[in-house]
């Protein structure tokens, strides 16, 4: 019985090590200028608003994710992290903001405001590991007030 457990453990360890060799392409912009980026469109945005959006939204909702060391551990990265990013970008990609129609931009601004007010965003599963992305009441108020001026 002990020998079978050791063999099973060794096989599982080898499989775990082997799957670490597979790393999906990271969600990074590779230094390309972001001419259609949300920050470019709203270039007069206050610095505090920029910081809040970049810290709390951009990892999932842009073409540049700041990965943590644990984001590179498989199978977590391919099964969770990259899937969350892909799903998030399908809903909203700040890096491609200017490519959206004016109508869609207005709708997204309203949706962003609602998601923040109801504390659905940033997701609690994200803020669990990224504490600095969690919005406090003052940040929510500041951000929603700014978003109201853009609707």
C-alpha atoms as a PDB file:
ATOM      1  CA  UNK A   1       0.000   0.000   0.000  1.00  0.00           C
ATOM      2  CA  UNK A   2       2.793   2.463   0.889  1.00  0.00           C
ATOM      3  CA  UNK A   3       4.626   1.628  -2.318  1.00  0.00           C
ATOM      4  CA  UNK A   4       1.487   2.290  -4.389  1.00  0.00           C
ATOM      5  CA  UNK A   5       1.029   5.658  -2.660  1.00  0.00           C
ATOM      6  CA  UNK A   6       4.649   6.623  -3.344  1.00  0.00           C
ATOM      7  CA  UNK A   7       4.354   5.656  -6.998  1.00  0.00           C
ATOM      8  CA  UNK A   8       1.063   7.539  -7.342  1.00  0.00           C
ATOM      9  CA  UNK A   9       2.574  10.577  -5.612  1.00  0.00           C
ATOM     10  CA  UNK A  10       5.644  10.481  -7.854  1.00  0.00           C
ATOM     11  CA  UNK A  11       3.484  10.220 -10.980  1.00  0.00           C
ATOM     12  CA  UNK A  12       1.299  13.126  -9.840  1.00  0.00           C
ATOM     13  CA  UNK A  13       4.391  15.219  -9.095  1.00  0.00           C
ATOM     14  CA  UNK A  14       5.825  14.483 -12.554  1.00  0.00           C
ATOM     15  CA  UNK A  15       2.513  15.370 -14.221  1.00  0.00           C
ATOM     16  CA  UNK A  16       2.366  18.626 -12.224  1.00  0.00           C
ATOM     17  CA  UNK A  17       5.926  19.505 -13.265  1.00  0.00           C
ATOM     18  CA  UNK A  18       5.221  18.591 -16.890  1.00  0.00           C
ATOM     19  CA  UNK A  19       2.137  20.808 -17.155  1.00  0.00           C
ATOM     20  CA  UNK A  20       4.207  23.759 -15.923  1.00  0.00           C
ATOM     21  CA  UNK A  21       5.956  23.671 -19.305  1.00  0.00           C
ATOM     22  CA  UNK A  22       2.738  24.770 -20.995  1.00  0.00           C
ATOM     23  CA  UNK A  23       2.263  28.504 -20.541  1.00  0.00           C
ATOM     24  CA  UNK A  24      -0.438  30.282 -22.556  1.00  0.00           C
ATOM     25  CA  UNK A  25       0.574  33.503 -24.270  1.00  0.00           C
ATOM     26  CA  UNK A  26       0.411  36.284 -21.685  1.00  0.00           C
ATOM     27  CA  UNK A  27      -2.037  39.151 -22.021  1.00  0.00           C
ATOM     28  CA  UNK A  28       0.577  41.880 -22.485  1.00  0.00           C
ATOM     29  CA  UNK A  29       0.713  44.614 -25.080  1.00  0.00           C
ATOM     30  CA  UNK A  30       4.480  44.235 -25.727  1.00  0.00           C
ATOM     31  CA  UNK A  31       4.992  48.007 -25.669  1.00  0.00           C
ATOM     32  CA  UNK A  32       2.659  48.871 -28.538  1.00  0.00           C
ATOM     33  CA  UNK A  33       1.167  52.352 -28.268  1.00  0.00           C
ATOM     34  CA  UNK A  34      -2.419  52.238 -27.063  1.00  0.00           C
ATOM     35  CA  UNK A  35      -4.014  54.739 -29.427  1.00  0.00           C
ATOM     36  CA  UNK A  36      -7.529  53.410 -28.821  1.00  0.00           C
ATOM     37  CA  UNK A  37      -7.137  53.123 -25.043  1.00  0.00           C
ATOM     38  CA  UNK A  38      -9.695  54.505 -22.582  1.00  0.00           C
ATOM     39  CA  UNK A  39      -6.992  56.667 -20.970  1.00  0.00           C
ATOM     40  CA  UNK A  40      -6.185  58.219 -24.354  1.00  0.00           C
ATOM     41  CA  UNK A  41      -9.849  58.951 -25.073  1.00  0.00           C
ATOM     42  CA  UNK A  42     -10.311  60.627 -21.692  1.00  0.00           C
ATOM     43  CA  UNK A  43      -6.873  62.234 -21.520  1.00  0.00           C
ATOM     44  CA  UNK A  44      -8.152  64.966 -19.193  1.00  0.00           C
ATOM     45  CA  UNK A  45      -9.164  62.336 -16.629  1.00  0.00           C
ATOM     46  CA  UNK A  46      -7.966  63.169 -13.093  1.00  0.00           C
ATOM     47  CA  UNK A  47      -4.889  61.203 -12.010  1.00  0.00           C
ATOM     48  CA  UNK A  48      -6.723  59.624  -9.086  1.00  0.00           C
ATOM     49  CA  UNK A  49      -9.433  58.253 -11.395  1.00  0.00           C
ATOM     50  CA  UNK A  50      -6.757  56.862 -13.740  1.00  0.00           C
ATOM     51  CA  UNK A  51      -5.037  55.125 -10.839  1.00  0.00           C
ATOM     52  CA  UNK A  52      -8.273  53.575  -9.585  1.00  0.00           C
ATOM     53  CA  UNK A  53      -9.249  52.265 -13.026  1.00  0.00           C
ATOM     54  CA  UNK A  54      -5.776  50.927 -13.796  1.00  0.00           C
ATOM     55  CA  UNK A  55      -5.445  49.241 -10.399  1.00  0.00           C
ATOM     56  CA  UNK A  56      -8.944  47.795 -10.197  1.00  0.00           C
ATOM     57  CA  UNK A  57      -9.944  47.161 -13.812  1.00  0.00           C
ATOM     58  CA  UNK A  58      -7.064  46.950 -16.275  1.00  0.00           C
ATOM     59  CA  UNK A  59      -5.663  43.528 -15.329  1.00  0.00           C
ATOM     60  CA  UNK A  60      -8.752  41.844 -16.752  1.00  0.00           C
ATOM     61  CA  UNK A  61     -10.316  44.512 -18.951  1.00  0.00           C
ATOM     62  CA  UNK A  62      -7.333  45.555 -21.089  1.00  0.00           C
ATOM     63  CA  UNK A  63      -4.614  44.118 -23.300  1.00  0.00           C
ATOM     64  CA  UNK A  64      -2.081  44.283 -20.496  1.00  0.00           C
ATOM     65  CA  UNK A  65      -2.266  42.152 -17.375  1.00  0.00           C
ATOM     66  CA  UNK A  66       0.215  42.520 -14.536  1.00  0.00           C
ATOM     67  CA  UNK A  67       0.643  38.878 -13.595  1.00  0.00           C
ATOM     68  CA  UNK A  68       1.640  37.819 -10.096  1.00  0.00           C
ATOM     69  CA  UNK A  69       4.056  34.932  -9.573  1.00  0.00           C
ATOM     70  CA  UNK A  70       1.217  32.556  -8.702  1.00  0.00           C
ATOM     71  CA  UNK A  71      -0.560  33.344 -11.965  1.00  0.00           C
ATOM     72  CA  UNK A  72       2.086  31.281 -13.752  1.00  0.00           C
ATOM     73  CA  UNK A  73       1.270  28.057 -11.905  1.00  0.00           C
ATOM     74  CA  UNK A  74      -0.589  25.582 -14.071  1.00  0.00           C
ATOM     75  CA  UNK A  75      -3.343  24.530 -14.325  1.00  0.00           C
ATOM     76  CA  UNK A  76      -4.623  27.627 -12.506  1.00  0.00           C
ATOM     77  CA  UNK A  77      -3.436  30.013 -15.208  1.00  0.00           C
ATOM     78  CA  UNK A  78      -4.961  28.273 -18.183  1.00  0.00           C
ATOM     79  CA  UNK A  79      -8.153  27.216 -16.421  1.00  0.00           C
ATOM     80  CA  UNK A  80      -8.914  30.304 -14.349  1.00  0.00           C
ATOM     81  CA  UNK A  81      -6.777  33.361 -15.000  1.00  0.00           C
ATOM     82  CA  UNK A  82      -6.767  33.377 -18.797  1.00  0.00           C
ATOM     83  CA  UNK A  83     -10.451  32.402 -18.934  1.00  0.00           C
ATOM     84  CA  UNK A  84     -11.392  35.301 -16.633  1.00  0.00           C
ATOM     85  CA  UNK A  85      -9.361  37.713 -18.758  1.00  0.00           C
ATOM     86  CA  UNK A  86     -10.912  36.445 -22.004  1.00  0.00           C
ATOM     87  CA  UNK A  87     -14.442  36.671 -20.580  1.00  0.00           C
ATOM     88  CA  UNK A  88     -13.765  40.150 -19.183  1.00  0.00           C
ATOM     89  CA  UNK A  89     -12.412  41.426 -22.497  1.00  0.00           C
ATOM     90  CA  UNK A  90     -15.476  40.137 -24.333  1.00  0.00           C
ATOM     91  CA  UNK A  91     -17.597  42.423 -22.146  1.00  0.00           C
ATOM     92  CA  UNK A  92     -15.218  45.398 -22.043  1.00  0.00           C
ATOM     93  CA  UNK A  93     -11.677  46.022 -23.223  1.00  0.00           C
ATOM     94  CA  UNK A  94     -10.312  49.411 -22.166  1.00  0.00           C
ATOM     95  CA  UNK A  95      -7.421  49.000 -24.623  1.00  0.00           C
ATOM     96  CA  UNK A  96      -9.883  49.008 -27.511  1.00  0.00           C
ATOM     97  CA  UNK A  97     -12.220  51.670 -26.146  1.00  0.00           C
ATOM     98  CA  UNK A  98     -12.008  54.047 -29.102  1.00  0.00           C
ATOM     99  CA  UNK A  99     -12.946  51.263 -31.505  1.00  0.00           C
ATOM    100  CA  UNK A 100     -16.394  51.051 -29.844  1.00  0.00           C
ATOM    101  CA  UNK A 101     -19.212  53.161 -31.259  1.00  0.00           C
ATOM    102  CA  UNK A 102     -20.305  56.235 -29.294  1.00  0.00           C
ATOM    103  CA  UNK A 103     -23.523  54.446 -28.414  1.00  0.00           C
ATOM    104  CA  UNK A 104     -21.672  51.419 -27.059  1.00  0.00           C
ATOM    105  CA  UNK A 105     -19.276  53.640 -25.101  1.00  0.00           C
ATOM    106  CA  UNK A 106     -22.204  55.382 -23.396  1.00  0.00           C
ATOM    107  CA  UNK A 107     -23.812  52.048 -22.611  1.00  0.00           C
ATOM    108  CA  UNK A 108     -20.545  50.732 -21.194  1.00  0.00           C
ATOM    109  CA  UNK A 109     -20.024  53.847 -19.048  1.00  0.00           C
ATOM    110  CA  UNK A 110     -23.501  53.310 -17.557  1.00  0.00           C
ATOM    111  CA  UNK A 111     -22.773  49.625 -17.032  1.00  0.00           C
ATOM    112  CA  UNK A 112     -19.386  50.307 -15.407  1.00  0.00           C
ATOM    113  CA  UNK A 113     -21.011  52.776 -13.038  1.00  0.00           C
ATOM    114  CA  UNK A 114     -23.734  50.299 -12.088  1.00  0.00           C
ATOM    115  CA  UNK A 115     -21.249  47.437 -11.605  1.00  0.00           C
ATOM    116  CA  UNK A 116     -19.112  49.582  -9.306  1.00  0.00           C
ATOM    117  CA  UNK A 117     -22.059  50.972  -7.320  1.00  0.00           C
ATOM    118  CA  UNK A 118     -23.433  47.482  -6.689  1.00  0.00           C
ATOM    119  CA  UNK A 119     -19.905  46.254  -5.829  1.00  0.00           C
ATOM    120  CA  UNK A 120     -20.039  43.531  -8.483  1.00  0.00           C
ATOM    121  CA  UNK A 121     -16.754  44.868  -9.842  1.00  0.00           C
ATOM    122  CA  UNK A 122     -13.998  44.307  -9.203  1.00  0.00           C
ATOM    123  CA  UNK A 123     -14.964  40.709  -8.550  1.00  0.00           C
ATOM    124  CA  UNK A 124     -14.437  39.446  -5.018  1.00  0.00           C
ATOM    125  CA  UNK A 125     -12.543  36.440  -6.399  1.00  0.00           C
ATOM    126  CA  UNK A 126     -10.046  38.924  -7.874  1.00  0.00           C
ATOM    127  CA  UNK A 127      -9.765  41.227  -4.855  1.00  0.00           C
ATOM    128  CA  UNK A 128      -9.154  38.201  -2.628  1.00  0.00           C
ATOM    129  CA  UNK A 129      -5.620  37.990  -4.019  1.00  0.00           C
ATOM    130  CA  UNK A 130      -5.304  41.615  -5.201  1.00  0.00           C
ATOM    131  CA  UNK A 131      -6.188  43.623  -2.117  1.00  0.00           C
ATOM    132  CA  UNK A 132      -5.159  46.947  -3.671  1.00  0.00           C
ATOM    133  CA  UNK A 133      -7.849  46.506  -6.347  1.00  0.00           C
ATOM    134  CA  UNK A 134     -10.685  46.521  -3.811  1.00  0.00           C
ATOM    135  CA  UNK A 135     -12.583  49.793  -3.935  1.00  0.00           C
ATOM    136  CA  UNK A 136     -13.455  51.603  -0.732  1.00  0.00           C
ATOM    137  CA  UNK A 137     -16.575  53.756  -0.426  1.00  0.00           C
ATOM    138  CA  UNK A 138     -14.683  56.989  -1.131  1.00  0.00           C
ATOM    139  CA  UNK A 139     -13.178  55.545  -4.327  1.00  0.00           C
ATOM    140  CA  UNK A 140     -16.574  54.243  -5.435  1.00  0.00           C
ATOM    141  CA  UNK A 141     -18.117  57.670  -4.898  1.00  0.00           C
ATOM    142  CA  UNK A 142     -15.280  59.467  -6.694  1.00  0.00           C
ATOM    143  CA  UNK A 143     -15.330  57.078  -9.628  1.00  0.00           C
ATOM    144  CA  UNK A 144     -19.113  57.023 -10.035  1.00  0.00           C
ATOM    145  CA  UNK A 145     -19.265  60.825  -9.882  1.00  0.00           C
ATOM    146  CA  UNK A 146     -16.674  61.053 -12.638  1.00  0.00           C
ATOM    147  CA  UNK A 147     -18.488  58.411 -14.704  1.00  0.00           C
ATOM    148  CA  UNK A 148     -21.750  60.390 -14.376  1.00  0.00           C
ATOM    149  CA  UNK A 149     -20.064  63.338 -16.073  1.00  0.00           C
ATOM    150  CA  UNK A 150     -19.180  61.063 -19.005  1.00  0.00           C
ATOM    151  CA  UNK A 151     -22.675  59.612 -19.575  1.00  0.00           C
END
